Amino acid sequence: MTDPENEFTSGEGDYINSVRVINPNYTFILNGYKDADNVIVTGTFNNWSTSGYRMIKEGETWKFPIHL
């Protein structure tokens, strides 16, 4: 079950979970792509998961804070 108060999620299909980041020390930022419906962050920090972490859109900027 996802937390309706938390916009940050990971997973796909029936397996979408809320992500809680404690003490984020980095924020991924992607500008533009205003027509995108979904932007995913993935890398060695999550074993290049194809479902990655879903960024949230603030204006025309996509963001995802994380502790690396």
Protein backbone atom coordinates (compact mmCIF):
# COMPACT_ATOMS: atom_id res chain seq x y z
CA MET A 1 0.00 0.00 0.00
CA THR A 2 1.36 3.39 -0.88
CA ASP A 3 1.29 6.33 1.51
CA PRO A 4 -1.01 9.01 0.05
CA GLU A 5 0.99 11.69 1.92
CA ASN A 6 4.27 10.61 0.25
CA GLU A 7 4.71 11.39 -3.46
CA PHE A 8 7.90 9.34 -3.87
CA THR A 9 7.40 5.78 -5.12
CA SER A 10 9.22 2.83 -6.63
CA GLY A 11 8.06 -0.28 -8.44
CA GLU A 12 5.61 -1.04 -11.20
CA GLY A 13 2.22 -2.62 -11.83
CA ASP A 14 0.70 -4.11 -8.68
CA TYR A 15 3.99 -3.60 -6.82
CA ILE A 16 4.26 0.16 -6.33
CA ASN A 17 5.59 1.15 -2.92
CA SER A 18 6.20 4.43 -1.16
CA VAL A 19 9.85 5.42 -0.72
CA ARG A 20 10.95 7.22 2.41
CA VAL A 21 14.35 8.87 2.19
CA ILE A 22 16.07 9.57 5.50
CA ASN A 23 18.68 12.34 5.50
CA PRO A 24 18.90 12.83 1.72
CA ASN A 25 22.35 14.05 0.69
CA TYR A 26 21.68 14.37 -3.04
CA THR A 27 18.74 15.43 -5.21
CA PHE A 28 18.44 14.25 -8.78
CA ILE A 29 17.08 17.08 -10.93
CA LEU A 30 15.91 16.94 -14.54
CA ASN A 31 14.71 20.12 -16.21
CA GLY A 32 12.28 20.17 -19.09
CA TYR A 33 10.33 17.18 -20.37
CA LYS A 34 7.08 18.91 -19.42
CA ASP A 35 5.05 16.39 -21.44
CA ALA A 36 6.53 13.34 -19.69
CA ASP A 37 4.13 11.33 -17.55
CA ASN A 38 6.75 9.38 -15.64
CA VAL A 39 10.50 9.86 -15.03
CA ILE A 40 12.56 7.11 -13.38
CA VAL A 41 15.94 7.38 -11.61
CA THR A 42 18.06 4.24 -11.64
CA GLY A 43 21.72 3.39 -11.08
CA THR A 44 24.14 1.31 -9.06
CA PHE A 45 22.44 2.52 -5.85
CA ASN A 46 19.38 0.35 -6.73
CA ASN A 47 21.06 -2.31 -8.90
CA TRP A 48 19.86 -0.60 -12.10
CA SER A 49 16.28 -1.53 -11.32
CA THR A 50 14.08 -1.02 -14.39
CA SER A 51 11.31 0.29 -12.14
CA GLY A 52 13.77 2.64 -10.38
CA TYR A 53 12.60 5.56 -8.26
CA ARG A 54 9.85 7.78 -9.64
CA MET A 55 10.74 11.47 -9.73
CA ILE A 56 8.08 14.04 -8.87
CA LYS A 57 7.31 17.02 -11.06
CA GLU A 58 7.49 20.53 -9.60
CA GLY A 59 6.63 23.03 -12.32
CA GLU A 60 8.83 22.00 -15.25
CA THR A 61 11.46 20.33 -13.05
CA TRP A 62 11.54 16.66 -12.07
CA LYS A 63 13.12 15.87 -8.65
CA PHE A 64 14.04 12.92 -6.46
CA PRO A 65 15.98 13.30 -3.18
CA ILE A 66 18.07 10.31 -2.06
CA HIS A 67 20.78 9.32 0.40
CA LEU A 68 23.72 7.99 -1.61
